[in-house]
Amino acid sequence: MSLLDVEGLRVTFGGVAAVDDVSFTVDDGSLVGLIGPNGAGKTTCIEALTGYLPQATGQVRFLGRDLTGVAPHRRAQLGLARTFQSVELFDDLTVRENLRAAANRRTVWQSLRDLVAPRWHNDESVIDRALDVVGLADAADALPTELSQGQRKLAGVARALACRPRLVLLDEPAAGLDATETLALGRRLRDVVDDGVTILLVDHDMGLVLGTCDQIVVLDFGRVLSTGTPDRVRRDERVLAAYLGDDVVGPSEGRPS
């Protein structure tokens, strides 16, 4: 079943199209990669899908609902979560407390009421589950400054999961990670999908994307260059020429186990 449908998406800046006529789908229960070099329009696409940038034309449908004009916070409430390239954690809060802050969906009236009579309403099991899925259960009481860079990235993913989303858009989660941390991240992302959360992954690490994703969308100057399975994209001559060159991940490098 299609969870996210993007049709003819176009985003412009001063008349210049950063994303131009982009169409793709994300099926429920899948891990889809969105790749391309700097300037290809990946982050702009994420910003438009989550409502942080307006779309000039096109349509974005999530769970069958047209998201045109829907504010970012409302999209998050519908189950469309995201992470950012820079992991902005509260360094004076523990990992668990960071997740609590994200999971605490308070209305204005509830917030005012809690100034007089504070109460905790969130289901702690949601936070426990998010920490367990990304492998940070043992670090729940640690401060972000005590974590490795790879763990901080996973904490950002866990924070998004604490919002109980159906789809998470991950923007460059492997940036700054070494090979070992990236491999561990790939395994954890598969665990997230197996736990029932669909992922749209944006990243430059071809080993991570080709070895982890079920389907891949390739952007080139804001337009879709190629789509398909990792094997198909791996063998697409246009992709090889534009992005991968001699650094293509070999056929023997499969999905992280």
Protein backbone atom coordinates (compact mmCIF):
# COMPACT_ATOMS: atom_id res chain seq x y z
CA MET A 1 0.00 0.00 0.00
CA SER A 2 1.27 3.46 -0.90
CA LEU A 3 1.89 5.59 2.19
CA LEU A 4 3.30 8.71 0.51
CA ASP A 5 2.51 9.83 -3.03
CA VAL A 6 4.47 12.68 -4.60
CA GLU A 7 3.26 13.84 -8.00
CA GLY A 8 4.76 16.63 -10.10
CA LEU A 9 6.34 18.37 -7.10
CA ARG A 10 7.98 21.70 -7.98
CA VAL A 11 9.71 24.08 -5.56
CA THR A 12 11.13 27.39 -6.75
CA PHE A 13 13.39 30.09 -5.36
CA GLY A 14 13.13 33.40 -7.19
CA GLY A 15 11.99 31.70 -10.36
CA VAL A 16 14.68 29.00 -10.22
CA ALA A 17 13.33 25.47 -9.81
CA ALA A 18 15.24 23.61 -7.09
CA VAL A 19 12.84 20.67 -7.42
CA ASP A 20 11.16 20.24 -10.78
CA ASP A 21 8.35 17.81 -11.62
CA VAL A 22 9.44 15.19 -9.07
CA SER A 23 7.19 12.14 -8.69
CA PHE A 24 7.65 8.99 -6.59
CA THR A 25 5.87 6.84 -4.05
CA VAL A 26 6.84 5.36 -0.70
CA ASP A 27 5.10 2.10 0.13
CA ASP A 28 4.06 1.24 3.65
CA GLY A 29 6.70 -0.90 5.38
CA SER A 30 9.54 0.02 3.04
CA LEU A 31 12.88 1.82 3.28
CA VAL A 32 13.28 4.17 0.33
CA GLY A 33 16.47 6.08 -0.47
CA LEU A 34 16.59 9.56 -2.00
CA ILE A 35 20.07 10.25 -3.36
CA GLY A 36 21.97 12.82 -5.39
CA PRO A 37 24.95 15.18 -5.05
CA ASN A 38 24.91 18.57 -3.32
CA GLY A 39 22.45 20.81 -5.10
CA ALA A 40 20.37 17.94 -6.47
CA GLY A 41 17.33 19.06 -4.45
CA LYS A 42 17.17 16.30 -1.80
CA THR A 43 16.84 18.47 1.29
CA THR A 44 14.57 20.90 -0.57
CA CYS A 45 12.33 17.96 -1.36
CA ILE A 46 12.28 16.92 2.31
CA GLU A 47 11.48 20.50 3.35
CA ALA A 48 8.54 20.59 0.93
CA LEU A 49 7.21 17.18 1.98
CA THR A 50 7.21 18.22 5.64
CA GLY A 51 5.71 21.66 4.99
CA TYR A 52 8.74 23.83 5.77
CA LEU A 53 8.85 25.06 2.16
CA PRO A 54 5.82 25.80 -0.04
CA GLN A 55 5.36 23.83 -3.24
CA ALA A 56 4.88 25.86 -6.40
CA THR A 57 2.98 23.07 -8.13
CA GLY A 58 2.31 19.38 -7.70
CA GLN A 59 0.66 17.30 -5.03
CA VAL A 60 1.82 15.47 -1.92
CA ARG A 61 -0.54 12.89 -0.45
CA PHE A 62 0.06 11.12 2.86
CA LEU A 63 -2.25 8.28 3.87
CA GLY A 64 -4.46 9.39 0.98
CA ARG A 65 -4.75 12.97 2.27
CA ASP A 66 -3.68 15.97 0.22
CA LEU A 67 -1.13 17.91 2.31
CA THR A 68 -1.33 21.14 0.32
CA GLY A 69 -1.41 24.02 2.80
CA VAL A 70 -1.06 21.74 5.84
CA ALA A 71 1.36 23.20 8.44
CA PRO A 72 4.50 21.28 9.50
CA HIS A 73 3.24 20.59 13.03
CA ARG A 74 -0.05 19.26 11.67
CA ARG A 75 1.81 16.94 9.27
CA ALA A 76 3.80 15.63 12.24
CA GLN A 77 0.55 15.00 14.12
CA LEU A 78 -0.69 13.00 11.12
CA GLY A 79 2.36 10.73 11.42
CA LEU A 80 4.92 12.35 9.10
CA ALA A 81 8.10 12.91 11.16
CA ARG A 82 11.58 14.02 10.17
CA THR A 83 15.14 14.42 11.42
CA PHE A 84 17.60 17.18 10.49
CA GLN A 85 21.18 17.07 9.24
CA SER A 86 22.34 18.69 12.48
CA VAL A 87 21.27 16.64 15.51
CA GLU A 88 20.05 19.35 17.90
CA LEU A 89 19.69 17.54 21.21
CA PHE A 90 19.23 19.24 24.57
CA ASP A 91 22.65 18.64 26.11
CA ASP A 92 21.44 19.33 29.65
CA LEU A 93 18.75 16.63 29.38
CA THR A 94 19.28 12.88 29.34
CA VAL A 95 18.54 10.89 26.21
CA ARG A 96 15.24 9.74 27.73
CA GLU A 97 14.30 13.30 28.64
CA ASN A 98 15.05 14.42 25.08
CA LEU A 99 12.60 11.81 23.83
CA ARG A 100 10.01 12.88 26.38
CA ALA A 101 10.24 16.46 25.15
CA ALA A 102 9.54 15.30 21.59
CA ALA A 103 6.73 12.96 22.60
CA ASN A 104 4.98 15.55 24.76
CA ARG A 105 2.20 16.70 22.44
CA ARG A 106 0.66 19.48 24.49
CA THR A 107 -2.09 21.85 23.45
CA VAL A 108 -2.01 25.47 24.58
CA TRP A 109 -4.69 24.85 27.21
CA GLN A 110 -2.95 21.75 28.52
CA SER A 111 0.31 23.67 28.82
CA LEU A 112 -1.41 26.48 30.74
CA ARG A 113 -3.13 23.96 33.01
CA ASP A 114 0.16 22.20 33.70
CA LEU A 115 1.65 25.46 34.94
CA VAL A 116 -0.75 25.12 37.87
CA ALA A 117 -0.96 21.34 38.20
CA PRO A 118 1.88 19.62 36.29
CA ARG A 119 1.11 16.12 35.12
CA TRP A 120 2.86 13.60 32.89
CA HIS A 121 0.55 12.06 30.31
CA ASN A 122 2.81 10.26 27.84
CA ASP A 123 3.05 6.50 27.62
CA GLU A 124 6.60 5.73 28.77
CA SER A 125 6.51 2.44 26.88
CA VAL A 126 6.62 4.38 23.58
CA ILE A 127 9.90 5.95 24.64
CA ASP A 128 11.27 2.62 25.88
CA ARG A 129 10.39 1.04 22.55
CA ALA A 130 12.08 3.81 20.56
CA LEU A 131 15.25 3.49 22.62
CA ASP A 132 15.24 -0.28 22.29
CA VAL A 133 14.77 -0.26 18.51
CA VAL A 134 17.77 2.02 17.93
CA GLY A 135 19.89 0.21 20.52
CA LEU A 136 20.12 3.02 23.07
CA ALA A 137 18.25 1.44 25.97
CA ASP A 138 21.48 1.25 28.00
CA ALA A 139 22.20 4.92 27.29
CA ALA A 140 18.77 6.23 28.27
CA ASP A 141 20.08 8.08 31.33
CA ALA A 142 23.23 9.42 29.66
CA LEU A 143 23.65 13.01 28.55
CA PRO A 144 24.08 13.63 24.81
CA THR A 145 27.61 14.89 25.47
CA GLU A 146 28.50 11.40 26.72
CA LEU A 147 27.47 9.74 23.46
CA SER A 148 29.52 8.99 20.36
CA GLN A 149 28.57 10.76 17.15
CA GLY A 150 26.89 7.58 15.90
CA GLN A 151 24.85 7.31 19.11
CA ARG A 152 23.81 10.96 18.83
CA LYS A 153 22.49 10.26 15.33
CA LEU A 154 20.55 7.27 16.64
CA ALA A 155 19.19 9.43 19.46
CA GLY A 156 17.84 11.78 16.79
CA VAL A 157 16.12 8.85 15.07
CA ALA A 158 14.71 7.67 18.43
CA ARG A 159 13.39 11.16 19.12
CA ALA A 160 11.46 11.04 15.85
CA LEU A 161 10.13 7.56 16.71
CA ALA A 162 8.92 8.83 20.09
CA CYS A 163 6.34 10.90 18.18
CA ARG A 164 4.73 7.62 17.03
CA PRO A 165 5.04 8.31 13.27
CA ARG A 166 4.00 6.19 10.31
CA LEU A 167 6.77 7.64 8.11
CA VAL A 168 10.13 9.14 9.12
CA LEU A 169 12.18 11.28 6.72
CA LEU A 170 15.86 11.02 7.63
CA ASP A 171 18.09 13.83 6.33
CA GLU A 172 21.77 12.74 6.14
CA PRO A 173 21.82 10.53 9.27
CA ALA A 174 25.25 9.07 8.34
CA ALA A 175 26.98 12.44 7.98
CA GLY A 176 30.12 12.48 10.12
CA LEU A 177 30.00 8.75 10.92
CA ASP A 178 32.87 6.33 10.33
CA ALA A 179 32.43 3.05 8.44
CA THR A 180 31.66 1.00 11.56
CA GLU A 181 29.06 3.49 12.81
CA THR A 182 27.45 3.68 9.36
CA LEU A 183 27.15 -0.10 9.18
CA ALA A 184 25.53 -0.15 12.63
CA LEU A 185 23.17 2.63 11.56
CA GLY A 186 22.08 0.61 8.51
CA ARG A 187 21.22 -2.36 10.72
CA ARG A 188 19.24 -0.17 13.10
CA LEU A 189 17.29 1.44 10.26
CA ARG A 190 16.22 -2.01 9.11
CA ASP A 191 15.11 -2.71 12.70
CA VAL A 192 13.02 0.46 12.64
CA VAL A 193 11.26 -0.66 9.44
CA ASP A 194 10.76 -4.16 10.83
CA ASP A 195 9.15 -2.50 13.87
CA GLY A 196 6.48 -0.97 11.64
CA VAL A 197 7.82 2.50 10.74
CA THR A 198 8.42 3.38 7.08
CA ILE A 199 11.56 5.39 6.22
CA LEU A 200 12.55 7.81 3.46
CA LEU A 201 16.33 8.09 3.72
CA VAL A 202 18.43 10.93 2.28
CA ASP A 203 22.16 10.30 2.42
CA HIS A 204 25.39 10.60 0.45
CA ASP A 205 26.81 7.29 1.68
CA MET A 206 26.26 4.95 -1.26
CA GLY A 207 27.20 1.88 0.76
CA LEU A 208 24.47 2.70 3.28
CA VAL A 209 21.81 3.52 0.69
CA LEU A 210 22.51 0.69 -1.77
CA GLY A 211 23.01 -1.85 1.00
CA THR A 212 19.99 -0.89 3.12
CA CYS A 213 17.14 0.46 0.98
CA ASP A 214 14.39 -1.46 -0.80
CA GLN A 215 13.87 1.20 -3.47
CA ILE A 216 15.92 4.24 -4.51
CA VAL A 217 15.00 7.56 -6.15
CA VAL A 218 17.91 9.40 -7.81
CA LEU A 219 17.72 13.17 -8.27
CA ASP A 220 19.80 15.18 -10.73
CA PHE A 221 19.49 19.00 -10.77
CA GLY A 222 16.08 18.79 -9.12
CA ARG A 223 14.63 16.16 -11.44
CA VAL A 224 14.24 12.40 -11.12
CA LEU A 225 17.06 10.68 -12.99
CA SER A 226 16.31 7.08 -12.06
CA THR A 227 14.18 4.94 -9.76
CA GLY A 228 14.18 1.29 -8.83
CA THR A 229 15.78 -1.37 -6.70
CA PRO A 230 19.40 -0.98 -5.54
CA ASP A 231 20.52 -3.50 -8.18
CA ARG A 232 18.77 -1.56 -10.94
CA VAL A 233 20.15 1.80 -9.82
CA ARG A 234 23.58 0.26 -9.36
CA ARG A 235 23.60 -0.72 -13.03
CA ASP A 236 21.98 2.40 -14.48
CA GLU A 237 24.61 3.98 -16.74
CA ARG A 238 23.22 7.48 -16.14
CA VAL A 239 23.60 7.04 -12.39
CA LEU A 240 27.05 5.53 -12.79
CA ALA A 241 28.17 8.47 -14.88
CA ALA A 242 26.56 11.16 -12.72
CA TYR A 243 27.17 9.92 -9.18
CA LEU A 244 28.91 6.66 -8.54
CA GLY A 245 31.80 6.49 -10.97
CA ASP A 246 34.44 4.01 -9.81
CA ASP A 247 33.13 3.99 -6.24
CA VAL A 248 30.12 1.79 -6.94
CA VAL A 249 29.37 -0.65 -4.15
CA GLY A 250 30.16 -4.10 -5.50
CA PRO A 251 27.49 -6.80 -5.96
CA SER A 252 28.98 -8.73 -3.04
CA GLU A 253 28.13 -5.95 -0.59
CA GLY A 254 24.60 -6.75 0.40
CA ARG A 255 22.20 -5.43 2.95
CA PRO A 256 23.54 -5.31 6.51
CA SER A 257 22.54 -8.47 8.38
